[in-house]
Structure formats: structure tokens, C-alpha cells
Amino acid sequence: MKRYKKILIIVVVTGLLVATGLFITSKINQEITSLEKELSVAALVLDSTSDELRDMSVLLSETKSDLSDTKRALSSIENKLNQANCKSAVEIDYTSNYTVSESIKSYLGDSQGSINKTEWEVVWNNSKVSYHKLTGEYLHLFIVYFDDKDMGYSNSVFNIGDQCWLDQ
């Protein structure tokens, strides 16, 4: 009997060891399955994030391109505005058509009297817009606007020949 007891103890211990091993193996397999699921979810999130990152990269490239196009358009507009203003502006005295003509002569650099005739004509009888013609070696034509809030005019002179504003 003693022997049976020893064998029984060995069988019980072996059974316990096997049962413990199976239990631990089951728990390890459950943990592996759980980790595999988490890894699968993380891989899907990574793929989704990668796609979003790729989309954002494309959007960034398009935005940079749009910004570059906008900068070129802005530069073009700036150049056009600069061309609309005469290169060397002058202070215009808007007291009368005579003082405006004298200011224009100054703008034209008429220090030696090459302008021998200045004339102006009001565009409409009651208007504050006049047409100035300065002649000498060359003919110079200007449109002069005097302040007229009713018509939306402010003091300004447009050089017809150079297609630019003198004092803007």
C-alpha cells in the first residue's frame, strides 16, 4: 500500500502539474489572442492614420501650390498698381486750374520753359473735371479731378500719355 500511496501521490502531483500547465497554457493563449486583437486594431488605426497623413500631405502640397499661385497673382496685381501710378509723383496744388497746370509743369520738369502753352477746359459746365493740355516740344494731356463728393471725385490728376495717376 505504501507503494500505491507513492504512486497515487505521484499521479496526483503529476495531474496537478498537468492541470496547472494546461491552465497556464490556456491563460497564455487567451493573452496571446487578446494581444493579437489589440495588434490588429492598432494596425488598422495605423493604416487609417497613414491614409489620413497621406491625404494631409497631398492637401499640404495643393495648399502650397495655391499659395504660390496666389503670391504670383498678388505680385502681378502689385505690378499693375505700380504701373497705374506715375513713377515720380509730384505735389499738386488744387487751388485752381492754373495752379494745377503749374504743378503739372513742375512734374514734367519744365525748368527751362519748354512748355510754351497751357490750356484747360472744363468737361461739363458745372463739373469739377477738367482737361489740361500742355504744349511745347511735346504735347502732354491730363485729366484733372477736383473734390466733388456728389460725383465721388477726389483731387487727382491722370496723365493720359503715360496712363498713370500723378499723385495717388
N, C-alpha and C. Protein backbone atom coordinates (compact mmCIF):
# COMPACT_ATOMS: atom_id res chain seq x y z
N MET A 1 0.77 -1.17 0.00
CA MET A 1 0.00 0.00 0.00
C MET A 1 0.84 1.26 0.00
N LYS A 2 1.90 1.10 0.64
CA LYS A 2 2.79 2.21 0.66
C LYS A 2 3.19 2.62 -0.75
N ARG A 3 3.34 1.63 -1.50
CA ARG A 3 3.73 1.89 -2.87
C ARG A 3 2.60 2.55 -3.63
N TYR A 4 1.39 2.09 -3.37
CA TYR A 4 0.26 2.70 -4.04
C TYR A 4 0.09 4.16 -3.64
N LYS A 5 0.43 4.40 -2.38
CA LYS A 5 0.34 5.78 -1.91
C LYS A 5 1.33 6.65 -2.64
N LYS A 6 2.52 6.12 -2.81
CA LYS A 6 3.56 6.89 -3.51
C LYS A 6 3.14 7.12 -4.95
N ILE A 7 2.61 6.06 -5.54
CA ILE A 7 2.20 6.18 -6.94
C ILE A 7 1.02 7.16 -7.02
N LEU A 8 0.11 7.04 -6.07
CA LEU A 8 -1.03 7.93 -6.06
C LEU A 8 -0.58 9.37 -5.89
N ILE A 9 0.36 9.60 -5.01
CA ILE A 9 0.89 10.95 -4.80
C ILE A 9 1.55 11.44 -6.08
N ILE A 10 2.32 10.58 -6.72
CA ILE A 10 2.99 10.96 -7.97
C ILE A 10 1.94 11.27 -9.03
N VAL A 11 0.91 10.43 -9.12
CA VAL A 11 -0.13 10.63 -10.13
C VAL A 11 -0.88 11.94 -9.82
N VAL A 12 -1.20 12.17 -8.56
CA VAL A 12 -1.92 13.38 -8.18
C VAL A 12 -1.05 14.61 -8.45
N VAL A 13 0.21 14.57 -8.06
CA VAL A 13 1.13 15.69 -8.30
C VAL A 13 1.29 15.90 -9.79
N THR A 14 1.45 14.81 -10.54
CA THR A 14 1.60 14.92 -11.99
C THR A 14 0.31 15.50 -12.57
N GLY A 15 -0.83 15.03 -12.10
CA GLY A 15 -2.11 15.55 -12.56
C GLY A 15 -2.24 17.04 -12.26
N LEU A 16 -1.82 17.41 -11.04
CA LEU A 16 -1.85 18.82 -10.67
C LEU A 16 -0.92 19.64 -11.56
N LEU A 17 0.24 19.11 -11.82
CA LEU A 17 1.20 19.81 -12.69
C LEU A 17 0.64 19.95 -14.11
N VAL A 18 0.03 18.87 -14.60
CA VAL A 18 -0.55 18.91 -15.94
C VAL A 18 -1.72 19.91 -15.95
N ALA A 19 -2.57 19.82 -14.93
CA ALA A 19 -3.70 20.73 -14.86
C ALA A 19 -3.22 22.18 -14.76
N THR A 20 -2.21 22.42 -13.93
CA THR A 20 -1.64 23.76 -13.81
C THR A 20 -1.04 24.19 -15.14
N GLY A 21 -0.33 23.31 -15.80
CA GLY A 21 0.26 23.61 -17.10
C GLY A 21 -0.81 23.94 -18.12
N LEU A 22 -1.90 23.15 -18.13
CA LEU A 22 -2.99 23.41 -19.07
C LEU A 22 -3.67 24.76 -18.75
N PHE A 23 -3.87 25.02 -17.47
CA PHE A 23 -4.48 26.28 -17.06
C PHE A 23 -3.60 27.46 -17.49
N ILE A 24 -2.29 27.36 -17.23
CA ILE A 24 -1.35 28.44 -17.60
C ILE A 24 -1.32 28.58 -19.12
N THR A 25 -1.30 27.46 -19.83
CA THR A 25 -1.29 27.49 -21.30
C THR A 25 -2.57 28.17 -21.80
N SER A 26 -3.71 27.84 -21.19
CA SER A 26 -4.98 28.45 -21.58
C SER A 26 -4.93 29.96 -21.35
N LYS A 27 -4.44 30.37 -20.19
CA LYS A 27 -4.32 31.80 -19.90
C LYS A 27 -3.36 32.49 -20.87
N ILE A 28 -2.25 31.85 -21.17
CA ILE A 28 -1.28 32.42 -22.13
C ILE A 28 -1.93 32.54 -23.50
N ASN A 29 -2.66 31.51 -23.91
CA ASN A 29 -3.34 31.55 -25.21
C ASN A 29 -4.39 32.67 -25.25
N GLN A 30 -5.13 32.85 -24.13
CA GLN A 30 -6.09 33.94 -24.06
C GLN A 30 -5.39 35.29 -24.17
N GLU A 31 -4.27 35.42 -23.49
CA GLU A 31 -3.50 36.69 -23.54
C GLU A 31 -2.95 36.92 -24.94
N ILE A 32 -2.47 35.86 -25.57
CA ILE A 32 -1.95 35.98 -26.95
C ILE A 32 -3.08 36.41 -27.88
N THR A 33 -4.27 35.80 -27.72
CA THR A 33 -5.41 36.16 -28.57
C THR A 33 -5.79 37.63 -28.34
N SER A 34 -5.82 38.03 -27.07
CA SER A 34 -6.14 39.42 -26.76
C SER A 34 -5.11 40.38 -27.36
N LEU A 35 -3.83 40.03 -27.24
CA LEU A 35 -2.77 40.86 -27.81
C LEU A 35 -2.84 40.90 -29.33
N GLU A 36 -3.19 39.75 -29.95
CA GLU A 36 -3.34 39.72 -31.40
C GLU A 36 -4.47 40.64 -31.86
N LYS A 37 -5.60 40.64 -31.08
CA LYS A 37 -6.71 41.53 -31.42
C LYS A 37 -6.28 42.99 -31.28
N GLU A 38 -5.60 43.31 -30.18
CA GLU A 38 -5.12 44.67 -29.98
C GLU A 38 -4.15 45.08 -31.09
N LEU A 39 -3.27 44.15 -31.47
CA LEU A 39 -2.32 44.43 -32.55
C LEU A 39 -3.05 44.65 -33.86
N SER A 40 -4.09 43.85 -34.11
CA SER A 40 -4.87 44.00 -35.34
C SER A 40 -5.56 45.37 -35.37
N VAL A 41 -6.16 45.77 -34.23
CA VAL A 41 -6.81 47.08 -34.13
C VAL A 41 -5.77 48.18 -34.32
N ALA A 42 -4.61 48.04 -33.68
CA ALA A 42 -3.55 49.05 -33.82
C ALA A 42 -3.08 49.14 -35.27
N ALA A 43 -3.00 48.00 -35.96
CA ALA A 43 -2.60 48.00 -37.37
C ALA A 43 -3.63 48.74 -38.22
N LEU A 44 -4.93 48.52 -37.94
CA LEU A 44 -5.98 49.22 -38.67
C LEU A 44 -5.91 50.72 -38.41
N VAL A 45 -5.70 51.09 -37.15
CA VAL A 45 -5.58 52.51 -36.80
C VAL A 45 -4.37 53.11 -37.50
N LEU A 46 -3.27 52.35 -37.52
CA LEU A 46 -2.05 52.83 -38.19
C LEU A 46 -2.29 53.00 -39.69
N ASP A 47 -2.97 52.04 -40.31
CA ASP A 47 -3.29 52.17 -41.74
C ASP A 47 -4.17 53.39 -41.99
N SER A 48 -5.19 53.55 -41.15
CA SER A 48 -6.09 54.70 -41.29
C SER A 48 -5.33 56.00 -41.10
N THR A 49 -4.48 56.03 -40.07
CA THR A 49 -3.68 57.23 -39.81
C THR A 49 -2.71 57.48 -40.96
N SER A 50 -2.17 56.43 -41.50
CA SER A 50 -1.25 56.57 -42.64
C SER A 50 -1.99 57.16 -43.84
N ASP A 51 -3.22 56.67 -44.08
CA ASP A 51 -4.03 57.22 -45.18
C ASP A 51 -4.35 58.69 -44.94
N GLU A 52 -4.72 59.02 -43.70
CA GLU A 52 -5.02 60.41 -43.37
C GLU A 52 -3.78 61.28 -43.54
N LEU A 53 -2.64 60.77 -43.12
CA LEU A 53 -1.39 61.50 -43.27
C LEU A 53 -1.07 61.73 -44.74
N ARG A 54 -1.29 60.70 -45.54
CA ARG A 54 -1.05 60.82 -46.99
C ARG A 54 -2.00 61.88 -47.58
N ASP A 55 -3.28 61.83 -47.17
CA ASP A 55 -4.26 62.82 -47.65
C ASP A 55 -3.85 64.23 -47.22
N MET A 56 -3.41 64.36 -45.98
CA MET A 56 -2.98 65.68 -45.49
C MET A 56 -1.74 66.15 -46.23
N SER A 57 -0.86 65.23 -46.57
CA SER A 57 0.34 65.59 -47.33
C SER A 57 -0.04 66.11 -48.72
N VAL A 58 -1.01 65.45 -49.34
CA VAL A 58 -1.50 65.91 -50.65
C VAL A 58 -2.15 67.28 -50.50
N LEU A 59 -2.97 67.44 -49.46
CA LEU A 59 -3.63 68.72 -49.22
C LEU A 59 -2.60 69.82 -48.97
N LEU A 60 -1.55 69.50 -48.22
CA LEU A 60 -0.48 70.47 -47.97
C LEU A 60 0.20 70.87 -49.27
N SER A 61 0.48 69.91 -50.12
CA SER A 61 1.10 70.21 -51.41
C SER A 61 0.19 71.11 -52.25
N GLU A 62 -1.10 70.79 -52.27
CA GLU A 62 -2.05 71.61 -53.03
C GLU A 62 -2.13 73.02 -52.44
N THR A 63 -2.12 73.11 -51.12
CA THR A 63 -2.18 74.42 -50.46
C THR A 63 -0.94 75.23 -50.78
N LYS A 64 0.23 74.58 -50.77
CA LYS A 64 1.47 75.27 -51.13
C LYS A 64 1.40 75.77 -52.57
N SER A 65 0.87 74.94 -53.44
CA SER A 65 0.73 75.33 -54.84
C SER A 65 -0.23 76.51 -54.98
N ASP A 66 -1.37 76.44 -54.26
CA ASP A 66 -2.33 77.55 -54.28
C ASP A 66 -1.70 78.82 -53.74
N LEU A 67 -0.92 78.68 -52.67
CA LEU A 67 -0.26 79.84 -52.08
C LEU A 67 0.73 80.44 -53.06
N SER A 68 1.46 79.59 -53.76
CA SER A 68 2.40 80.07 -54.76
C SER A 68 1.67 80.80 -55.88
N ASP A 69 0.54 80.23 -56.33
CA ASP A 69 -0.28 80.89 -57.37
C ASP A 69 -0.80 82.23 -56.87
N THR A 70 -1.23 82.26 -55.61
CA THR A 70 -1.75 83.50 -55.03
C THR A 70 -0.65 84.55 -54.94
N LYS A 71 0.55 84.13 -54.56
CA LYS A 71 1.68 85.07 -54.49
C LYS A 71 1.98 85.64 -55.87
N ARG A 72 1.95 84.78 -56.90
CA ARG A 72 2.21 85.26 -58.26
C ARG A 72 1.12 86.24 -58.69
N ALA A 73 -0.14 85.91 -58.39
CA ALA A 73 -1.25 86.79 -58.75
C ALA A 73 -1.14 88.12 -58.01
N LEU A 74 -0.78 88.06 -56.73
CA LEU A 74 -0.62 89.28 -55.94
C LEU A 74 0.52 90.13 -56.49
N SER A 75 1.60 89.48 -56.87
CA SER A 75 2.73 90.21 -57.46
C SER A 75 2.31 90.87 -58.77
N SER A 76 1.52 90.16 -59.57
CA SER A 76 1.04 90.73 -60.83
C SER A 76 0.15 91.93 -60.58
N ILE A 77 -0.74 91.81 -59.60
CA ILE A 77 -1.63 92.93 -59.25
C ILE A 77 -0.81 94.11 -58.74
N GLU A 78 0.19 93.81 -57.91
CA GLU A 78 1.05 94.87 -57.38
C GLU A 78 1.79 95.58 -58.51
N ASN A 79 2.28 94.81 -59.48
CA ASN A 79 2.94 95.42 -60.64
C ASN A 79 1.98 96.31 -61.42
N LYS A 80 0.76 95.84 -61.60
CA LYS A 80 -0.23 96.64 -62.33
C LYS A 80 -0.55 97.92 -61.58
N LEU A 81 -0.66 97.81 -60.25
CA LEU A 81 -0.92 99.01 -59.45
C LEU A 81 0.24 99.98 -59.54
N ASN A 82 1.46 99.45 -59.50
CA ASN A 82 2.63 100.32 -59.62
C ASN A 82 2.67 100.99 -60.98
N GLN A 83 2.24 100.27 -62.01
CA GLN A 83 2.21 100.87 -63.34
C GLN A 83 1.11 101.93 -63.44
N ALA A 84 0.05 101.79 -62.63
CA ALA A 84 -1.05 102.76 -62.67
C ALA A 84 -0.65 104.08 -62.03
N ASN A 85 0.38 104.07 -61.21
CA ASN A 85 0.87 105.29 -60.59
C ASN A 85 2.14 105.73 -61.32
N CYS A 86 2.20 107.00 -61.64
CA CYS A 86 3.39 107.51 -62.33
C CYS A 86 4.62 107.31 -61.45
N LYS A 87 5.76 107.16 -62.10
CA LYS A 87 6.98 106.82 -61.38
C LYS A 87 7.43 107.91 -60.40
N SER A 88 7.34 109.14 -60.80
CA SER A 88 7.77 110.20 -59.87
C SER A 88 6.58 111.12 -59.62
N ALA A 89 5.96 110.94 -58.48
CA ALA A 89 4.79 111.73 -58.13
C ALA A 89 5.21 113.14 -57.75
N VAL A 90 4.25 114.05 -57.82
CA VAL A 90 4.52 115.45 -57.51
C VAL A 90 3.38 115.97 -56.64
N GLU A 91 3.66 116.95 -55.83
CA GLU A 91 2.64 117.60 -55.01
C GLU A 91 1.85 118.53 -55.92
N ILE A 92 0.55 118.32 -56.00
CA ILE A 92 -0.32 119.12 -56.86
C ILE A 92 -1.07 120.14 -56.00
N ASP A 93 -1.07 121.39 -56.47
CA ASP A 93 -1.83 122.46 -55.80
C ASP A 93 -3.19 122.54 -56.49
N TYR A 94 -4.25 122.15 -55.80
CA TYR A 94 -5.59 122.09 -56.38
C TYR A 94 -6.39 123.37 -56.13
N THR A 95 -5.74 124.48 -55.90
CA THR A 95 -6.45 125.73 -55.67
C THR A 95 -7.27 126.14 -56.88
N SER A 96 -6.68 125.99 -58.07
CA SER A 96 -7.39 126.36 -59.31
C SER A 96 -6.79 125.58 -60.46
N ASN A 97 -7.41 125.70 -61.65
CA ASN A 97 -6.84 125.04 -62.83
C ASN A 97 -5.46 125.60 -63.15
N TYR A 98 -5.26 126.90 -62.90
CA TYR A 98 -3.94 127.50 -63.15
C TYR A 98 -2.88 126.85 -62.26
N THR A 99 -3.16 126.72 -60.96
CA THR A 99 -2.15 126.15 -60.05
C THR A 99 -1.91 124.68 -60.38
N VAL A 100 -2.95 123.99 -60.83
CA VAL A 100 -2.77 122.59 -61.24
C VAL A 100 -1.84 122.53 -62.43
N SER A 101 -2.05 123.41 -63.44
CA SER A 101 -1.17 123.43 -64.62
C SER A 101 0.27 123.72 -64.23
N GLU A 102 0.46 124.64 -63.30
CA GLU A 102 1.83 124.95 -62.84
C GLU A 102 2.45 123.74 -62.14
N SER A 103 1.65 123.01 -61.36
CA SER A 103 2.15 121.78 -60.71
C SER A 103 2.52 120.73 -61.74
N ILE A 104 1.70 120.61 -62.78
CA ILE A 104 1.99 119.64 -63.85
C ILE A 104 3.27 120.03 -64.58
N LYS A 105 3.46 121.33 -64.82
CA LYS A 105 4.71 121.79 -65.45
C LYS A 105 5.90 121.37 -64.59
N SER A 106 5.76 121.50 -63.29
CA SER A 106 6.83 121.08 -62.37
C SER A 106 7.08 119.58 -62.50
N TYR A 107 6.01 118.81 -62.58
CA TYR A 107 6.13 117.36 -62.75
C TYR A 107 6.87 117.03 -64.05
N LEU A 108 6.56 117.76 -65.11
CA LEU A 108 7.19 117.50 -66.41
C LEU A 108 8.64 117.97 -66.46
N GLY A 109 9.08 118.65 -65.41
CA GLY A 109 10.46 119.13 -65.37
C GLY A 109 10.67 120.32 -66.28
N ASP A 110 9.71 121.22 -66.31
CA ASP A 110 9.77 122.38 -67.21
C ASP A 110 10.55 123.53 -66.57
N SER A 111 11.76 123.26 -66.15
CA SER A 111 12.57 124.33 -65.54
C SER A 111 13.11 125.28 -66.59
N GLN A 112 13.21 124.85 -67.83
CA GLN A 112 13.78 125.70 -68.88
C GLN A 112 12.71 126.31 -69.78
N GLY A 113 11.44 126.16 -69.39
CA GLY A 113 10.37 126.81 -70.15
C GLY A 113 10.07 126.15 -71.47
N SER A 114 10.24 124.84 -71.58
CA SER A 114 9.94 124.18 -72.85
C SER A 114 8.43 124.06 -73.08
N ILE A 115 7.62 124.21 -72.02
CA ILE A 115 6.17 124.25 -72.18
C ILE A 115 5.79 125.70 -72.47
N ASN A 116 5.32 125.95 -73.70
CA ASN A 116 5.02 127.33 -74.05
C ASN A 116 3.52 127.66 -74.05
N LYS A 117 2.68 126.63 -73.86
CA LYS A 117 1.26 126.92 -73.86
C LYS A 117 0.55 125.94 -72.91
N THR A 118 -0.22 126.48 -72.01
CA THR A 118 -1.05 125.65 -71.14
C THR A 118 -2.49 126.09 -71.32
N GLU A 119 -3.35 125.14 -71.51
CA GLU A 119 -4.77 125.45 -71.61
C GLU A 119 -5.56 124.31 -70.96
N TRP A 120 -6.72 124.66 -70.49
CA TRP A 120 -7.61 123.67 -69.89
C TRP A 120 -9.03 123.99 -70.25
N GLU A 121 -9.82 122.97 -70.12
CA GLU A 121 -11.22 123.11 -70.48
C GLU A 121 -12.01 122.24 -69.50
N VAL A 122 -13.10 122.80 -68.97
CA VAL A 122 -13.95 122.04 -68.06
C VAL A 122 -14.76 121.06 -68.89
N VAL A 123 -14.83 119.83 -68.46
CA VAL A 123 -15.52 118.80 -69.24
C VAL A 123 -17.01 119.10 -69.33
N TRP A 124 -17.66 119.44 -68.22
CA TRP A 124 -19.05 119.88 -68.22
C TRP A 124 -19.09 121.25 -67.56
N ASN A 125 -20.08 122.02 -67.87
CA ASN A 125 -20.14 123.39 -67.34
C ASN A 125 -20.04 123.45 -65.82
N ASN A 126 -20.78 122.58 -65.13
CA ASN A 126 -20.78 122.65 -63.67
C ASN A 126 -19.91 121.54 -63.04
N SER A 127 -19.10 120.90 -63.83
CA SER A 127 -18.32 119.77 -63.33
C SER A 127 -17.00 120.23 -62.72
N LYS A 128 -16.47 119.38 -61.90
CA LYS A 128 -15.16 119.64 -61.30
C LYS A 128 -14.12 118.72 -61.93
N VAL A 129 -14.29 118.50 -63.23
CA VAL A 129 -13.34 117.71 -64.01
C VAL A 129 -12.89 118.58 -65.17
N SER A 130 -11.58 118.65 -65.37
CA SER A 130 -11.09 119.45 -66.48
C SER A 130 -10.02 118.69 -67.26
N TYR A 131 -9.88 119.12 -68.48
CA TYR A 131 -8.96 118.50 -69.43
C TYR A 131 -7.83 119.50 -69.64
N HIS A 132 -6.59 119.13 -69.26
CA HIS A 132 -5.44 120.04 -69.39
C HIS A 132 -4.56 119.61 -70.55
N LYS A 133 -4.14 120.62 -71.32
CA LYS A 133 -3.30 120.38 -72.49
C LYS A 133 -2.10 121.31 -72.35
N LEU A 134 -0.92 120.71 -72.23
CA LEU A 134 0.33 121.49 -72.13
C LEU A 134 1.13 121.18 -73.38
N THR A 135 1.49 122.24 -74.12
CA THR A 135 2.21 122.04 -75.37
C THR A 135 3.54 122.76 -75.33
N GLY A 136 4.43 122.26 -76.09
CA GLY A 136 5.78 122.79 -76.24
C GLY A 136 6.44 121.91 -77.27
N GLU A 137 7.60 121.37 -76.91
CA GLU A 137 8.25 120.42 -77.81
C GLU A 137 7.37 119.18 -77.98
N TYR A 138 6.67 118.80 -76.93
CA TYR A 138 5.77 117.65 -76.95
C TYR A 138 4.39 118.08 -76.47
N LEU A 139 3.40 117.29 -76.77
CA LEU A 139 2.03 117.52 -76.31
C LEU A 139 1.80 116.62 -75.09
N HIS A 140 1.31 117.23 -74.01
CA HIS A 140 1.03 116.49 -72.77
C HIS A 140 -0.43 116.71 -72.41
N LEU A 141 -1.16 115.62 -72.19
CA LEU A 141 -2.59 115.69 -71.89
C LEU A 141 -2.87 115.07 -70.51
N PHE A 142 -3.73 115.75 -69.75
CA PHE A 142 -4.06 115.30 -68.40
C PHE A 142 -5.54 115.51 -68.14
N ILE A 143 -6.12 114.66 -67.32
CA ILE A 143 -7.47 114.87 -66.81
C ILE A 143 -7.32 115.20 -65.33
N VAL A 144 -7.95 116.31 -64.91
CA VAL A 144 -7.84 116.76 -63.52
C VAL A 144 -9.21 116.63 -62.87
N TYR A 145 -9.22 115.98 -61.72
CA TYR A 145 -10.44 115.82 -60.93
C TYR A 145 -10.29 116.66 -59.66
N PHE A 146 -11.25 117.55 -59.42
CA PHE A 146 -11.29 118.32 -58.18
C PHE A 146 -12.31 117.65 -57.25
N ASP A 147 -12.13 117.86 -55.95
CA ASP A 147 -13.03 117.25 -54.98
C ASP A 147 -14.49 117.54 -55.33
N ASP A 148 -15.28 116.49 -55.44
CA ASP A 148 -16.72 116.62 -55.70
C ASP A 148 -17.38 115.38 -55.09
N LYS A 149 -17.81 115.52 -53.85
CA LYS A 149 -18.37 114.38 -53.13
C LYS A 149 -19.64 113.86 -53.79
N ASP A 150 -20.41 114.75 -54.40
CA ASP A 150 -21.64 114.31 -55.06
C ASP A 150 -21.35 113.35 -56.21
N MET A 151 -20.26 113.57 -56.90
CA MET A 151 -19.88 112.72 -58.04
C MET A 151 -18.89 111.62 -57.64
N GLY A 152 -18.39 111.69 -56.41
CA GLY A 152 -17.46 110.68 -55.95
C GLY A 152 -16.02 110.94 -56.36
N TYR A 153 -15.70 112.19 -56.71
CA TYR A 153 -14.33 112.53 -57.13
C TYR A 153 -13.53 113.03 -55.94
N SER A 154 -12.25 112.78 -55.98
CA SER A 154 -11.32 113.41 -55.04
C SER A 154 -10.19 114.02 -55.87
N ASN A 155 -9.48 114.96 -55.30
CA ASN A 155 -8.40 115.63 -56.03
C ASN A 155 -7.43 114.59 -56.60
N SER A 156 -7.26 114.63 -57.91
CA SER A 156 -6.32 113.72 -58.56
C SER A 156 -6.08 114.17 -60.00
N VAL A 157 -4.93 113.74 -60.53
CA VAL A 157 -4.56 114.08 -61.91
C VAL A 157 -4.15 112.80 -62.61
N PHE A 158 -4.74 112.57 -63.79
CA PHE A 158 -4.40 111.39 -64.59
C PHE A 158 -3.63 111.82 -65.82
N ASN A 159 -2.45 111.24 -66.02
CA ASN A 159 -1.61 111.51 -67.18
C ASN A 159 -2.08 110.59 -68.31
N ILE A 160 -2.69 111.17 -69.32
CA ILE A 160 -3.26 110.38 -70.41
C ILE A 160 -2.16 109.68 -71.21
N GLY A 161 -1.07 110.38 -71.48
CA GLY A 161 0.00 109.79 -72.29
C GLY A 161 0.69 108.61 -71.62
N ASP A 162 0.95 108.73 -70.32
CA ASP A 162 1.64 107.65 -69.61
C ASP A 162 0.67 106.67 -68.95
N GLN A 163 -0.63 106.99 -69.02
CA GLN A 163 -1.66 106.14 -68.43
C GLN A 163 -1.38 105.84 -66.96
N CYS A 164 -1.22 106.94 -66.19
CA CYS A 164 -0.94 106.77 -64.76
C CYS A 164 -1.43 107.96 -63.98
N TRP A 165 -1.59 107.79 -62.67
CA TRP A 165 -2.02 108.84 -61.76
C TRP A 165 -0.79 109.56 -61.23
N LEU A 166 -0.84 110.89 -61.21
CA LEU A 166 0.33 111.65 -60.74
C LEU A 166 0.47 111.62 -59.23
N ASP A 167 -0.61 111.75 -58.52
CA ASP A 167 -0.49 111.98 -57.08
C ASP A 167 -1.27 110.98 -56.24
N GLN A 168 -1.33 109.76 -56.68
CA GLN A 168 -2.05 108.73 -55.92
C GLN A 168 -1.11 107.98 -55.01
